[in-house]
């Protein structure tokens, strides 16, 4: 059986975002990762659009998600 050790394997960006919003809320996420789509009128739709176009921001969100899994 070939199982990936990558914690992001098979998880969509939308699922990552939903999980982080449920765990931290928009305000805390905006404090941890200071990007406008988290701090000004946040929504999953606008955040997904921004994160898909912005590799550095997506990487920060993915790192926060990995960190949240360890807790």
PDB file of N, CA and C in Angstrom:
ATOM      1  N   UNK A   1       0.841  -1.192   0.000  1.00  0.00           N
ATOM      2  CA  UNK A   1       0.000   0.000   0.000  1.00  0.00           C
ATOM      3  C   UNK A   1       0.881   1.249   0.000  1.00  0.00           C
ATOM      4  N   UNK A   2       0.583   2.185  -0.850  1.00  0.00           N
ATOM      5  CA  UNK A   2       1.382   3.391  -0.995  1.00  0.00           C
ATOM      6  C   UNK A   2       0.684   4.559  -0.292  1.00  0.00           C
ATOM      7  N   UNK A   3       1.088   4.837   0.948  1.00  0.00           N
ATOM      8  CA  UNK A   3       0.487   5.951   1.677  1.00  0.00           C
ATOM      9  C   UNK A   3       1.487   7.091   1.754  1.00  0.00           C
ATOM     10  N   UNK A   4       1.015   8.284   1.525  1.00  0.00           N
ATOM     11  CA  UNK A   4       1.868   9.462   1.534  1.00  0.00           C
ATOM     12  C   UNK A   4       2.071   9.957   2.962  1.00  0.00           C
ATOM     13  N   UNK A   5       3.291  10.386   3.255  1.00  0.00           N
ATOM     14  CA  UNK A   5       3.577  10.960   4.568  1.00  0.00           C
ATOM     15  C   UNK A   5       3.283  12.463   4.580  1.00  0.00           C
ATOM     16  N   UNK A   6       2.970  13.005   3.410  1.00  0.00           N
ATOM     17  CA  UNK A   6       2.646  14.428   3.286  1.00  0.00           C
ATOM     18  C   UNK A   6       1.276  14.696   3.912  1.00  0.00           C
ATOM     19  N   UNK A   7       1.215  15.528   4.970  1.00  0.00           N
ATOM     20  CA  UNK A   7      -0.077  15.792   5.620  1.00  0.00           C
ATOM     21  C   UNK A   7      -1.065  16.532   4.718  1.00  0.00           C
ATOM     22  N   UNK A   8      -0.589  17.125   3.629  1.00  0.00           N
ATOM     23  CA  UNK A   8      -1.469  17.854   2.716  1.00  0.00           C
ATOM     24  C   UNK A   8      -1.975  16.973   1.577  1.00  0.00           C
ATOM     25  N   UNK A   9      -1.468  15.743   1.491  1.00  0.00           N
ATOM     26  CA  UNK A   9      -1.841  14.854   0.396  1.00  0.00           C
ATOM     27  C   UNK A   9      -3.342  14.568   0.407  1.00  0.00           C
ATOM     28  N   UNK A  10      -3.995  14.861  -0.718  1.00  0.00           N
ATOM     29  CA  UNK A  10      -5.416  14.559  -0.867  1.00  0.00           C
ATOM     30  C   UNK A  10      -6.361  15.546  -0.201  1.00  0.00           C
ATOM     31  N   UNK A  11      -5.828  16.620   0.338  1.00  0.00           N
ATOM     32  CA  UNK A  11      -6.681  17.614   1.006  1.00  0.00           C
ATOM     33  C   UNK A  11      -6.759  18.862   0.135  1.00  0.00           C
ATOM     34  N   UNK A  12      -7.966  19.325  -0.107  1.00  0.00           N
ATOM     35  CA  UNK A  12      -8.132  20.517  -0.950  1.00  0.00           C
ATOM     36  C   UNK A  12      -7.834  21.774  -0.150  1.00  0.00           C
ATOM     37  N   UNK A  13      -7.527  22.830  -0.872  1.00  0.00           N
ATOM     38  CA  UNK A  13      -7.299  24.122  -0.228  1.00  0.00           C
ATOM     39  C   UNK A  13      -8.557  24.574   0.509  1.00  0.00           C
ATOM     40  N   UNK A  14      -9.716  24.299  -0.065  1.00  0.00           N
ATOM     41  CA  UNK A  14     -10.983  24.662   0.590  1.00  0.00           C
ATOM     42  C   UNK A  14     -11.133  23.929   1.922  1.00  0.00           C
ATOM     43  N   UNK A  15     -10.759  22.649   1.964  1.00  0.00           N
ATOM     44  CA  UNK A  15     -10.851  21.879   3.211  1.00  0.00           C
ATOM     45  C   UNK A  15      -9.878  22.410   4.255  1.00  0.00           C
ATOM     46  N   UNK A  16      -8.683  22.791   3.811  1.00  0.00           N
ATOM     47  CA  UNK A  16      -7.693  23.380   4.717  1.00  0.00           C
ATOM     48  C   UNK A  16      -8.250  24.669   5.315  1.00  0.00           C
ATOM     49  N   UNK A  17      -8.793  25.516   4.456  1.00  0.00           N
ATOM     50  CA  UNK A  17      -9.337  26.791   4.904  1.00  0.00           C
ATOM     51  C   UNK A  17     -10.507  26.591   5.867  1.00  0.00           C
ATOM     52  N   UNK A  18     -11.416  25.683   5.535  1.00  0.00           N
ATOM     53  CA  UNK A  18     -12.557  25.395   6.411  1.00  0.00           C
ATOM     54  C   UNK A  18     -12.083  24.931   7.787  1.00  0.00           C
ATOM     55  N   UNK A  19     -11.086  24.074   7.805  1.00  0.00           N
ATOM     56  CA  UNK A  19     -10.554  23.560   9.058  1.00  0.00           C
ATOM     57  C   UNK A  19      -9.930  24.678   9.901  1.00  0.00           C
ATOM     58  N   UNK A  20      -9.150  25.538   9.266  1.00  0.00           N
ATOM     59  CA  UNK A  20      -8.500  26.633   9.984  1.00  0.00           C
ATOM     60  C   UNK A  20      -9.509  27.647  10.517  1.00  0.00           C
ATOM     61  N   UNK A  21     -10.526  27.952   9.719  1.00  0.00           N
ATOM     62  CA  UNK A  21     -11.563  28.900  10.166  1.00  0.00           C
ATOM     63  C   UNK A  21     -12.307  28.316  11.364  1.00  0.00           C
ATOM     64  N   UNK A  22     -12.598  27.020  11.312  1.00  0.00           N
ATOM     65  CA  UNK A  22     -13.295  26.373  12.430  1.00  0.00           C
ATOM     66  C   UNK A  22     -12.429  26.376  13.686  1.00  0.00           C
ATOM     67  N   UNK A  23     -11.133  26.178  13.515  1.00  0.00           N
ATOM     68  CA  UNK A  23     -10.240  26.093  14.672  1.00  0.00           C
ATOM     69  C   UNK A  23      -9.863  27.463  15.232  1.00  0.00           C
ATOM     70  N   UNK A  24      -9.546  28.418  14.346  1.00  0.00           N
ATOM     71  CA  UNK A  24      -9.024  29.707  14.797  1.00  0.00           C
ATOM     72  C   UNK A  24     -10.001  30.873  14.640  1.00  0.00           C
ATOM     73  N   UNK A  25     -10.843  30.830  13.632  1.00  0.00           N
ATOM     74  CA  UNK A  25     -11.687  31.974  13.306  1.00  0.00           C
ATOM     75  C   UNK A  25     -10.906  32.952  12.440  1.00  0.00           C
ATOM     76  N   UNK A  26     -11.627  33.813  11.752  1.00  0.00           N
ATOM     77  CA  UNK A  26     -10.985  34.754  10.823  1.00  0.00           C
ATOM     78  C   UNK A  26     -10.050  35.727  11.527  1.00  0.00           C
ATOM     79  N   UNK A  27     -10.468  36.230  12.700  1.00  0.00           N
ATOM     80  CA  UNK A  27      -9.664  37.242  13.388  1.00  0.00           C
ATOM     81  C   UNK A  27      -8.290  36.687  13.779  1.00  0.00           C
ATOM     82  N   UNK A  28      -8.293  35.498  14.359  1.00  0.00           N
ATOM     83  CA  UNK A  28      -7.033  34.861  14.762  1.00  0.00           C
ATOM     84  C   UNK A  28      -6.178  34.517  13.543  1.00  0.00           C
ATOM     85  N   UNK A  29      -6.807  34.069  12.472  1.00  0.00           N
ATOM     86  CA  UNK A  29      -6.046  33.763  11.254  1.00  0.00           C
ATOM     87  C   UNK A  29      -5.404  35.027  10.690  1.00  0.00           C
ATOM     88  N   UNK A  30      -6.144  36.128  10.727  1.00  0.00           N
ATOM     89  CA  UNK A  30      -5.599  37.403  10.269  1.00  0.00           C
ATOM     90  C   UNK A  30      -4.441  37.877  11.118  1.00  0.00           C
ATOM     91  N   UNK A  31      -4.490  37.554  12.415  1.00  0.00           N
ATOM     92  CA  UNK A  31      -3.388  37.914  13.311  1.00  0.00           C
ATOM     93  C   UNK A  31      -2.154  37.046  13.036  1.00  0.00           C
ATOM     94  N   UNK A  32      -2.386  35.779  12.731  1.00  0.00           N
ATOM     95  CA  UNK A  32      -1.276  34.854  12.478  1.00  0.00           C
ATOM     96  C   UNK A  32      -0.683  35.043  11.086  1.00  0.00           C
ATOM     97  N   UNK A  33      -1.529  35.282  10.093  1.00  0.00           N
ATOM     98  CA  UNK A  33      -1.093  35.499   8.709  1.00  0.00           C
ATOM     99  C   UNK A  33      -1.756  36.792   8.246  1.00  0.00           C
ATOM    100  N   UNK A  34      -0.981  37.855   8.218  1.00  0.00           N
ATOM    101  CA  UNK A  34      -1.545  39.167   7.930  1.00  0.00           C
ATOM    102  C   UNK A  34      -1.730  39.365   6.426  1.00  0.00           C
ATOM    103  N   UNK A  35      -2.843  38.825   5.928  1.00  0.00           N
ATOM    104  CA  UNK A  35      -3.212  39.059   4.534  1.00  0.00           C
ATOM    105  C   UNK A  35      -4.633  39.607   4.512  1.00  0.00           C
ATOM    106  N   UNK A  36      -4.862  40.502   3.598  1.00  0.00           N
ATOM    107  CA  UNK A  36      -6.108  41.254   3.545  1.00  0.00           C
ATOM    108  C   UNK A  36      -7.362  40.376   3.464  1.00  0.00           C
ATOM    109  N   UNK A  37      -7.264  39.248   2.762  1.00  0.00           N
ATOM    110  CA  UNK A  37      -8.457  38.404   2.621  1.00  0.00           C
ATOM    111  C   UNK A  37      -8.869  37.768   3.949  1.00  0.00           C
ATOM    112  N   UNK A  38      -8.001  37.818   4.973  1.00  0.00           N
ATOM    113  CA  UNK A  38      -8.362  37.332   6.317  1.00  0.00           C
ATOM    114  C   UNK A  38      -8.771  38.472   7.240  1.00  0.00           C
ATOM    115  N   UNK A  39      -8.306  39.683   6.966  1.00  0.00           N
ATOM    116  CA  UNK A  39      -8.526  40.785   7.904  1.00  0.00           C
ATOM    117  C   UNK A  39      -9.642  41.753   7.502  1.00  0.00           C
ATOM    118  N   UNK A  40      -9.973  41.823   6.215  1.00  0.00           N
ATOM    119  CA  UNK A  40     -11.002  42.767   5.755  1.00  0.00           C
ATOM    120  C   UNK A  40     -12.119  42.012   5.040  1.00  0.00           C
ATOM    121  N   UNK A  41     -13.272  41.937   5.668  1.00  0.00           N
ATOM    122  CA  UNK A  41     -14.454  41.273   5.100  1.00  0.00           C
ATOM    123  C   UNK A  41     -14.125  39.870   4.592  1.00  0.00           C
ATOM    124  N   UNK A  42     -13.633  38.994   5.479  1.00  0.00           N
ATOM    125  CA  UNK A  42     -13.176  37.675   5.034  1.00  0.00           C
ATOM    126  C   UNK A  42     -14.304  36.739   4.611  1.00  0.00           C
ATOM    127  N   UNK A  43     -14.015  35.926   3.614  1.00  0.00           N
ATOM    128  CA  UNK A  43     -14.922  34.853   3.210  1.00  0.00           C
ATOM    129  C   UNK A  43     -14.070  33.737   2.611  1.00  0.00           C
ATOM    130  N   UNK A  44     -14.598  32.532   2.633  1.00  0.00           N
ATOM    131  CA  UNK A  44     -13.871  31.400   2.071  1.00  0.00           C
ATOM    132  C   UNK A  44     -13.652  31.624   0.576  1.00  0.00           C
ATOM    133  N   UNK A  45     -14.685  32.093  -0.111  1.00  0.00           N
ATOM    134  CA  UNK A  45     -14.592  32.287  -1.565  1.00  0.00           C
ATOM    135  C   UNK A  45     -13.490  33.276  -1.940  1.00  0.00           C
ATOM    136  N   UNK A  46     -13.455  34.441  -1.294  1.00  0.00           N
ATOM    137  CA  UNK A  46     -12.435  35.440  -1.642  1.00  0.00           C
ATOM    138  C   UNK A  46     -11.043  34.965  -1.233  1.00  0.00           C
ATOM    139  N   UNK A  47     -10.964  34.249  -0.116  1.00  0.00           N
ATOM    140  CA  UNK A  47      -9.667  33.743   0.336  1.00  0.00           C
ATOM    141  C   UNK A  47      -9.132  32.688  -0.620  1.00  0.00           C
ATOM    142  N   UNK A  48      -9.993  31.786  -1.077  1.00  0.00           N
ATOM    143  CA  UNK A  48      -9.560  30.762  -2.033  1.00  0.00           C
ATOM    144  C   UNK A  48      -9.044  31.396  -3.311  1.00  0.00           C
ATOM    145  N   UNK A  49      -9.753  32.397  -3.792  1.00  0.00           N
ATOM    146  CA  UNK A  49      -9.347  33.077  -5.025  1.00  0.00           C
ATOM    147  C   UNK A  49      -7.950  33.684  -4.870  1.00  0.00           C
ATOM    148  N   UNK A  50      -7.734  34.361  -3.735  1.00  0.00           N
ATOM    149  CA  UNK A  50      -6.439  34.998  -3.475  1.00  0.00           C
ATOM    150  C   UNK A  50      -5.338  33.946  -3.294  1.00  0.00           C
ATOM    151  N   UNK A  51      -5.606  32.925  -2.491  1.00  0.00           N
ATOM    152  CA  UNK A  51      -4.580  31.926  -2.187  1.00  0.00           C
ATOM    153  C   UNK A  51      -4.182  31.112  -3.419  1.00  0.00           C
ATOM    154  N   UNK A  52      -5.110  30.886  -4.322  1.00  0.00           N
ATOM    155  CA  UNK A  52      -4.792  30.136  -5.539  1.00  0.00           C
ATOM    156  C   UNK A  52      -3.872  30.933  -6.468  1.00  0.00           C
ATOM    157  N   UNK A  53      -3.939  32.263  -6.368  1.00  0.00           N
ATOM    158  CA  UNK A  53      -3.112  33.118  -7.229  1.00  0.00           C
ATOM    159  C   UNK A  53      -1.815  33.563  -6.553  1.00  0.00           C
ATOM    160  N   UNK A  54      -1.663  33.272  -5.254  1.00  0.00           N
ATOM    161  CA  UNK A  54      -0.554  33.826  -4.487  1.00  0.00           C
ATOM    162  C   UNK A  54       0.199  32.717  -3.751  1.00  0.00           C
ATOM    163  N   UNK A  55       1.234  32.167  -4.386  1.00  0.00           N
ATOM    164  CA  UNK A  55       1.945  31.017  -3.810  1.00  0.00           C
ATOM    165  C   UNK A  55       2.497  31.242  -2.394  1.00  0.00           C
ATOM    166  N   UNK A  56       3.063  32.426  -2.114  1.00  0.00           N
ATOM    167  CA  UNK A  56       3.649  32.646  -0.784  1.00  0.00           C
ATOM    168  C   UNK A  56       2.574  32.628   0.301  1.00  0.00           C
ATOM    169  N   UNK A  57       1.402  33.162   0.000  1.00  0.00           N
ATOM    170  CA  UNK A  57       0.314  33.182   0.990  1.00  0.00           C
ATOM    171  C   UNK A  57      -0.240  31.773   1.184  1.00  0.00           C
ATOM    172  N   UNK A  58      -0.376  31.043   0.098  1.00  0.00           N
ATOM    173  CA  UNK A  58      -0.861  29.664   0.196  1.00  0.00           C
ATOM    174  C   UNK A  58       0.082  28.821   1.047  1.00  0.00           C
ATOM    175  N   UNK A  59       1.374  29.025   0.858  1.00  0.00           N
ATOM    176  CA  UNK A  59       2.369  28.279   1.633  1.00  0.00           C
ATOM    177  C   UNK A  59       2.230  28.571   3.132  1.00  0.00           C
ATOM    178  N   UNK A  60       1.995  29.822   3.483  1.00  0.00           N
ATOM    179  CA  UNK A  60       1.815  30.182   4.898  1.00  0.00           C
ATOM    180  C   UNK A  60       0.564  29.516   5.478  1.00  0.00           C
ATOM    181  N   UNK A  61      -0.505  29.487   4.700  1.00  0.00           N
ATOM    182  CA  UNK A  61      -1.747  28.848   5.143  1.00  0.00           C
ATOM    183  C   UNK A  61      -1.525  27.344   5.318  1.00  0.00           C
ATOM    184  N   UNK A  62      -0.829  26.729   4.376  1.00  0.00           N
ATOM    185  CA  UNK A  62      -0.551  25.295   4.476  1.00  0.00           C
ATOM    186  C   UNK A  62       0.317  24.991   5.697  1.00  0.00           C
ATOM    187  N   UNK A  63       1.295  25.842   5.985  1.00  0.00           N
ATOM    188  CA  UNK A  63       2.149  25.640   7.161  1.00  0.00           C
ATOM    189  C   UNK A  63       1.347  25.775   8.458  1.00  0.00           C
ATOM    190  N   UNK A  64       0.441  26.743   8.505  1.00  0.00           N
ATOM    191  CA  UNK A  64      -0.414  26.902   9.682  1.00  0.00           C
ATOM    192  C   UNK A  64      -1.289  25.665   9.864  1.00  0.00           C
ATOM    193  N   UNK A  65      -1.793  25.123   8.774  1.00  0.00           N
ATOM    194  CA  UNK A  65      -2.630  23.925   8.828  1.00  0.00           C
ATOM    195  C   UNK A  65      -1.829  22.741   9.382  1.00  0.00           C
ATOM    196  N   UNK A  66      -0.611  22.552   8.880  1.00  0.00           N
ATOM    197  CA  UNK A  66       0.254  21.452   9.348  1.00  0.00           C
ATOM    198  C   UNK A  66       0.532  21.620  10.846  1.00  0.00           C
ATOM    199  N   UNK A  67       0.814  22.859  11.258  1.00  0.00           N
ATOM    200  CA  UNK A  67       1.066  23.147  12.664  1.00  0.00           C
ATOM    201  C   UNK A  67      -0.176  22.829  13.511  1.00  0.00           C
ATOM    202  N   UNK A  68      -1.361  23.134  12.976  1.00  0.00           N
ATOM    203  CA  UNK A  68      -2.603  22.909  13.720  1.00  0.00           C
ATOM    204  C   UNK A  68      -2.889  21.416  13.883  1.00  0.00           C
ATOM    205  N   UNK A  69      -2.388  20.586  12.972  1.00  0.00           N
ATOM    206  CA  UNK A  69      -2.587  19.144  13.064  1.00  0.00           C
ATOM    207  C   UNK A  69      -1.780  18.533  14.197  1.00  0.00           C
ATOM    208  N   UNK A  70      -0.680  19.160  14.537  1.00  0.00           N
ATOM    209  CA  UNK A  70       0.207  18.634  15.579  1.00  0.00           C
ATOM    210  C   UNK A  70      -0.346  18.861  16.977  1.00  0.00           C
ATOM    211  N   UNK A  71      -1.301  19.760  17.111  1.00  0.00           N
ATOM    212  CA  UNK A  71      -1.860  20.091  18.438  1.00  0.00           C
ATOM    213  C   UNK A  71      -2.827  19.045  18.909  1.00  0.00           C
TER     214      UNK A  71
END
